[in-house]
Amino acid sequence: MLPKLIQFGTFYLPTYGVLVATAFLVALWMTSRLAKDAGMNPDMVVNLGVYCALAGIAGAKILMIAMDPSYRSNPAEIFSLSTLQSAGIFYGGLVAAIAMAYIYMRRHRLPFFRTADLFAPGLALGHGIGRLGCFAAGCCWGKPTRLPWAVVFTNPDARAVGVPLGIPLHPTQLYESFSEFIICAVLFLFARRSHRPGAILGGYLALYGTVRFLVEFLREHDESNPLGLALSLEQWISLGLVAAGVYLIFVRKERTA
């Protein structure tokens, strides 16, 4: 792991932050390219991406705060530097970003499903790069394993995110990252071909939902199951995404919006 990319005295650039910023720019570049190919206004699409990113950051942190019991026992921690620097929960950001996208597209009369299809490959690519940032920071770690590709975190800075040191763990961050890169390649290939509006978005929801559902079995986080059910909250959300994706691909009828 490499939580600090560059350090001068007490100042440092967090690797996670640099990779997330890179992920955002690369995702916007890919989306802009697909918008041009589709004959849509790339500037308007990029602006939409910026608004969605801001909403996503807020949504990810809100869900993180709602799910973490430590914030309920110490509400002042919400305004701490560690909360500001934390990534949050991806699903909270995804829901907030989709809500913002719907509002923006309605206001500017953009076709919802055609526009959403443009963002799906870039979202997968950006998320894959972001998970590399998670690996560098040590967060979102996996359960202990004896598999030959297990990773062992040893950097004392990892204690800031709670990852256990000196224990072989599933590299769940890399599982998800590599899966996202594959999803991006598949979606990008189909996005440049003739397709029904909403099919690319549906592909992303179905593929990522499946990956996340499976990876959750290997992740170590007790706080994400507040209801005490057999599956974690993220897995229930994943199943919902898969169902929505299958509907968009196979069931939804052709419509202009």
Protein backbone atom coordinates (compact mmCIF):
# COMPACT_ATOMS: atom_id res chain seq x y z
CA MET A 1 0.00 0.00 0.00
CA LEU A 2 1.03 3.59 -0.55
CA PRO A 3 -1.33 5.95 1.31
CA LYS A 4 0.94 8.97 0.80
CA LEU A 5 2.06 9.56 -2.78
CA ILE A 6 4.34 12.52 -2.05
CA GLN A 7 5.32 13.95 1.34
CA PHE A 8 7.21 17.09 2.36
CA GLY A 9 7.39 17.38 6.13
CA THR A 10 3.83 17.29 7.43
CA PHE A 11 2.33 17.98 4.00
CA TYR A 12 1.49 15.06 1.75
CA LEU A 13 -0.60 14.14 -1.25
CA PRO A 14 -2.83 11.14 -0.50
CA THR A 15 -2.59 8.49 -3.18
CA TYR A 16 -6.29 7.84 -2.88
CA GLY A 17 -7.17 11.47 -3.60
CA VAL A 18 -4.86 11.65 -6.61
CA LEU A 19 -6.30 8.45 -8.09
CA VAL A 20 -9.89 9.56 -7.50
CA ALA A 21 -9.18 12.88 -9.24
CA THR A 22 -7.57 10.97 -12.10
CA ALA A 23 -10.55 8.62 -12.27
CA PHE A 24 -12.93 11.56 -12.54
CA LEU A 25 -11.00 13.20 -15.38
CA VAL A 26 -10.56 9.96 -17.31
CA ALA A 27 -14.27 9.11 -16.92
CA LEU A 28 -15.26 12.56 -18.19
CA TRP A 29 -12.91 12.22 -21.16
CA MET A 30 -14.42 8.89 -22.15
CA THR A 31 -17.96 10.19 -21.71
CA SER A 32 -17.21 13.28 -23.80
CA ARG A 33 -15.79 11.10 -26.55
CA LEU A 34 -18.88 8.91 -26.60
CA ALA A 35 -21.10 12.02 -26.62
CA LYS A 36 -19.36 13.31 -29.75
CA ASP A 37 -19.74 9.93 -31.45
CA ALA A 38 -23.46 9.96 -30.57
CA GLY A 39 -23.97 13.48 -31.95
CA MET A 40 -24.78 15.01 -28.55
CA ASN A 41 -23.44 18.23 -27.01
CA PRO A 42 -20.24 17.16 -25.20
CA ASP A 43 -20.07 20.35 -23.09
CA MET A 44 -23.54 19.81 -21.69
CA VAL A 45 -22.72 16.17 -20.98
CA VAL A 46 -19.48 17.12 -19.21
CA ASN A 47 -21.33 19.68 -17.08
CA LEU A 48 -23.76 16.96 -16.12
CA GLY A 49 -20.81 14.81 -15.10
CA VAL A 50 -19.46 17.52 -12.81
CA TYR A 51 -22.80 17.99 -11.07
CA CYS A 52 -23.19 14.24 -10.67
CA ALA A 53 -19.70 13.95 -9.19
CA LEU A 54 -20.45 16.59 -6.56
CA ALA A 55 -23.74 14.91 -5.71
CA GLY A 56 -22.00 11.54 -5.60
CA ILE A 57 -19.39 12.73 -3.11
CA ALA A 58 -22.11 14.07 -0.83
CA GLY A 59 -24.25 10.94 -1.16
CA ALA A 60 -21.35 8.57 -0.46
CA LYS A 61 -20.47 10.40 2.76
CA ILE A 62 -24.09 10.67 3.90
CA LEU A 63 -24.59 6.90 3.58
CA MET A 64 -21.24 6.26 5.28
CA ILE A 65 -22.26 8.42 8.23
CA ALA A 66 -25.69 6.77 8.40
CA MET A 67 -24.20 3.25 8.37
CA ASP A 68 -21.26 3.74 10.76
CA PRO A 69 -22.30 3.37 14.43
CA SER A 70 -19.29 5.40 15.59
CA TYR A 71 -20.93 8.55 14.25
CA ARG A 72 -24.05 7.91 16.33
CA SER A 73 -21.99 7.67 19.50
CA ASN A 74 -19.81 10.65 18.56
CA PRO A 75 -21.70 13.03 16.21
CA ALA A 76 -18.91 15.60 16.32
CA GLU A 77 -16.79 13.17 14.27
CA ILE A 78 -18.95 14.05 11.25
CA PHE A 79 -17.09 17.34 10.94
CA SER A 80 -13.61 15.86 11.44
CA LEU A 81 -10.78 15.84 8.92
CA SER A 82 -10.89 12.05 8.69
CA THR A 83 -14.53 12.20 7.57
CA LEU A 84 -13.65 14.81 4.98
CA GLN A 85 -10.82 12.65 3.63
CA SER A 86 -12.79 9.39 3.64
CA ALA A 87 -14.29 8.00 0.46
CA GLY A 88 -17.72 7.10 1.76
CA ILE A 89 -19.94 4.29 0.49
CA PHE A 90 -20.12 3.98 -3.29
CA TYR A 91 -23.79 3.05 -3.42
CA GLY A 92 -24.77 6.24 -1.60
CA GLY A 93 -22.87 8.22 -4.19
CA LEU A 94 -24.40 6.25 -7.06
CA VAL A 95 -27.98 6.89 -5.89
CA ALA A 96 -27.29 10.61 -5.33
CA ALA A 97 -25.60 10.92 -8.72
CA ILE A 98 -28.52 9.24 -10.49
CA ALA A 99 -30.96 11.58 -8.75
CA MET A 100 -28.91 14.61 -9.79
CA ALA A 101 -28.67 13.28 -13.35
CA TYR A 102 -32.44 12.91 -13.55
CA ILE A 103 -33.00 16.49 -12.36
CA TYR A 104 -30.37 17.94 -14.71
CA MET A 105 -31.59 15.99 -17.74
CA ARG A 106 -35.19 16.96 -17.13
CA ARG A 107 -34.21 20.61 -16.87
CA HIS A 108 -32.09 20.60 -20.02
CA ARG A 109 -34.35 18.19 -21.92
CA LEU A 110 -31.68 15.58 -22.43
CA PRO A 111 -32.91 12.06 -23.29
CA PHE A 112 -32.40 10.19 -20.05
CA PHE A 113 -31.46 6.72 -21.25
CA ARG A 114 -29.37 7.86 -24.23
CA THR A 115 -27.41 10.19 -21.95
CA ALA A 116 -27.05 7.61 -19.17
CA ASP A 117 -25.65 5.14 -21.71
CA LEU A 118 -22.84 7.62 -22.43
CA PHE A 119 -21.78 7.67 -18.78
CA ALA A 120 -21.86 3.94 -18.06
CA PRO A 121 -18.45 2.96 -19.55
CA GLY A 122 -16.70 5.96 -17.99
CA LEU A 123 -18.32 5.26 -14.64
CA ALA A 124 -16.95 1.72 -14.71
CA LEU A 125 -13.48 2.94 -15.69
CA GLY A 126 -13.44 5.67 -13.05
CA HIS A 127 -14.65 3.32 -10.37
CA GLY A 128 -11.95 0.81 -11.28
CA ILE A 129 -9.25 3.47 -10.89
CA GLY A 130 -10.83 4.61 -7.65
CA ARG A 131 -10.63 1.08 -6.24
CA LEU A 132 -6.88 1.16 -6.89
CA GLY A 133 -6.93 4.20 -4.62
CA CYS A 134 -8.74 2.13 -2.01
CA PHE A 135 -6.00 -0.48 -2.26
CA ALA A 136 -3.32 2.19 -1.82
CA ALA A 137 -5.08 3.58 1.24
CA GLY A 138 -5.86 0.16 2.74
CA CYS A 139 -9.61 0.68 3.01
CA CYS A 140 -12.34 -1.74 1.85
CA TRP A 141 -10.13 -4.69 2.80
CA GLY A 142 -11.03 -8.35 2.54
CA LYS A 143 -11.30 -11.25 4.95
CA PRO A 144 -8.25 -13.29 5.99
CA THR A 145 -7.20 -15.93 3.46
CA ARG A 146 -4.35 -18.33 2.71
CA LEU A 147 -4.62 -17.99 -1.04
CA PRO A 148 -1.28 -17.35 -2.79
CA TRP A 149 -2.38 -13.90 -4.01
CA ALA A 150 -3.33 -12.67 -0.54
CA VAL A 151 -2.00 -9.23 0.42
CA VAL A 152 -0.49 -8.17 3.72
CA PHE A 153 -0.68 -4.55 4.84
CA THR A 154 2.29 -3.43 6.90
CA ASN A 155 2.34 0.37 6.63
CA PRO A 156 1.46 1.92 10.04
CA ASP A 157 -0.54 4.62 8.23
CA ALA A 158 -3.09 1.91 7.43
CA ARG A 159 -4.29 2.04 11.02
CA ALA A 160 -6.11 5.25 10.11
CA VAL A 161 -8.66 3.22 8.10
CA GLY A 162 -8.71 0.25 10.47
CA VAL A 163 -7.20 -2.45 8.24
CA PRO A 164 -5.42 -5.17 10.25
CA LEU A 165 -1.65 -5.27 9.77
CA GLY A 166 0.46 -8.35 9.16
CA ILE A 167 -2.48 -10.59 8.21
CA PRO A 168 -2.94 -12.10 4.70
CA LEU A 169 -6.20 -10.72 3.30
CA HIS A 170 -8.29 -11.03 0.16
CA PRO A 171 -7.38 -8.11 -2.14
CA THR A 172 -11.05 -7.26 -2.60
CA GLN A 173 -10.14 -3.80 -3.88
CA LEU A 174 -8.25 -5.38 -6.78
CA TYR A 175 -11.00 -7.92 -7.45
CA GLU A 176 -13.45 -5.07 -7.92
CA SER A 177 -11.00 -2.86 -9.81
CA PHE A 178 -10.07 -5.47 -12.42
CA SER A 179 -13.74 -6.43 -12.82
CA GLU A 180 -14.62 -2.78 -13.45
CA PHE A 181 -11.95 -2.51 -16.16
CA ILE A 182 -13.44 -5.54 -17.90
CA ILE A 183 -16.95 -4.10 -17.55
CA CYS A 184 -15.72 -0.81 -19.03
CA ALA A 185 -14.22 -2.54 -22.06
CA VAL A 186 -17.42 -4.53 -22.70
CA LEU A 187 -19.68 -1.50 -22.32
CA PHE A 188 -17.46 0.75 -24.45
CA LEU A 189 -17.51 -1.81 -27.24
CA PHE A 190 -21.31 -2.05 -27.23
CA ALA A 191 -21.84 1.70 -26.70
CA ARG A 192 -20.24 2.39 -30.08
CA ARG A 193 -22.61 -0.01 -31.79
CA SER A 194 -26.30 0.35 -32.48
CA HIS A 195 -28.22 -0.36 -29.28
CA ARG A 196 -31.53 0.33 -27.63
CA PRO A 197 -31.45 3.39 -25.30
CA GLY A 198 -30.87 2.20 -21.75
CA ALA A 199 -29.20 -1.07 -22.70
CA ILE A 200 -25.67 0.13 -21.85
CA LEU A 201 -26.82 1.51 -18.50
CA GLY A 202 -28.61 -1.78 -17.91
CA GLY A 203 -25.43 -3.69 -18.71
CA TYR A 204 -23.50 -1.65 -16.16
CA LEU A 205 -26.09 -2.15 -13.43
CA ALA A 206 -26.35 -5.89 -14.05
CA LEU A 207 -22.61 -6.53 -14.36
CA TYR A 208 -21.45 -4.34 -11.51
CA GLY A 209 -24.28 -5.48 -9.27
CA THR A 210 -23.21 -9.08 -9.83
CA VAL A 211 -19.54 -8.32 -9.15
CA ARG A 212 -20.30 -6.35 -6.00
CA PHE A 213 -22.68 -9.03 -4.70
CA LEU A 214 -19.96 -11.66 -4.99
CA VAL A 215 -17.11 -9.50 -3.67
CA GLU A 216 -19.14 -8.65 -0.57
CA PHE A 217 -18.80 -12.27 0.58
CA LEU A 218 -15.04 -11.69 0.81
CA ARG A 219 -15.07 -8.22 2.41
CA GLU A 220 -14.63 -7.59 6.13
CA HIS A 221 -17.09 -5.02 7.50
CA ASP A 222 -19.60 -5.82 10.19
CA GLU A 223 -21.10 -2.34 10.30
CA SER A 224 -22.69 -2.69 6.84
CA ASN A 225 -25.32 -5.18 8.06
CA PRO A 226 -27.42 -3.15 10.51
CA LEU A 227 -30.56 -5.27 10.01
CA GLY A 228 -28.82 -8.51 10.97
CA LEU A 229 -29.95 -10.30 7.81
CA ALA A 230 -28.12 -13.06 5.98
CA LEU A 231 -26.89 -10.60 3.34
CA SER A 232 -25.28 -7.19 3.81
CA LEU A 233 -27.05 -4.00 2.83
CA GLU A 234 -24.68 -3.67 -0.14
CA GLN A 235 -25.69 -7.12 -1.35
CA TRP A 236 -29.39 -6.27 -1.21
CA ILE A 237 -28.68 -3.10 -3.18
CA SER A 238 -26.63 -5.17 -5.63
CA LEU A 239 -29.54 -7.51 -6.24
CA GLY A 240 -31.73 -4.48 -6.90
CA LEU A 241 -29.21 -3.17 -9.42
CA VAL A 242 -29.07 -6.54 -11.18
CA ALA A 243 -32.86 -6.64 -11.41
CA ALA A 244 -32.96 -3.07 -12.79
CA GLY A 245 -30.22 -3.89 -15.28
CA VAL A 246 -31.97 -7.01 -16.54
CA TYR A 247 -35.17 -5.01 -16.94
CA LEU A 248 -33.43 -2.31 -18.99
CA ILE A 249 -31.71 -4.85 -21.23
CA PHE A 250 -34.47 -7.38 -21.85
CA VAL A 251 -37.85 -6.01 -20.74
CA ARG A 252 -38.08 -2.27 -21.20
CA LYS A 253 -39.80 -1.25 -24.41
CA GLU A 254 -38.33 1.27 -26.83
CA ARG A 255 -39.12 4.82 -25.78
CA THR A 256 -37.71 8.23 -26.63
CA ALA A 257 -36.87 9.06 -23.00
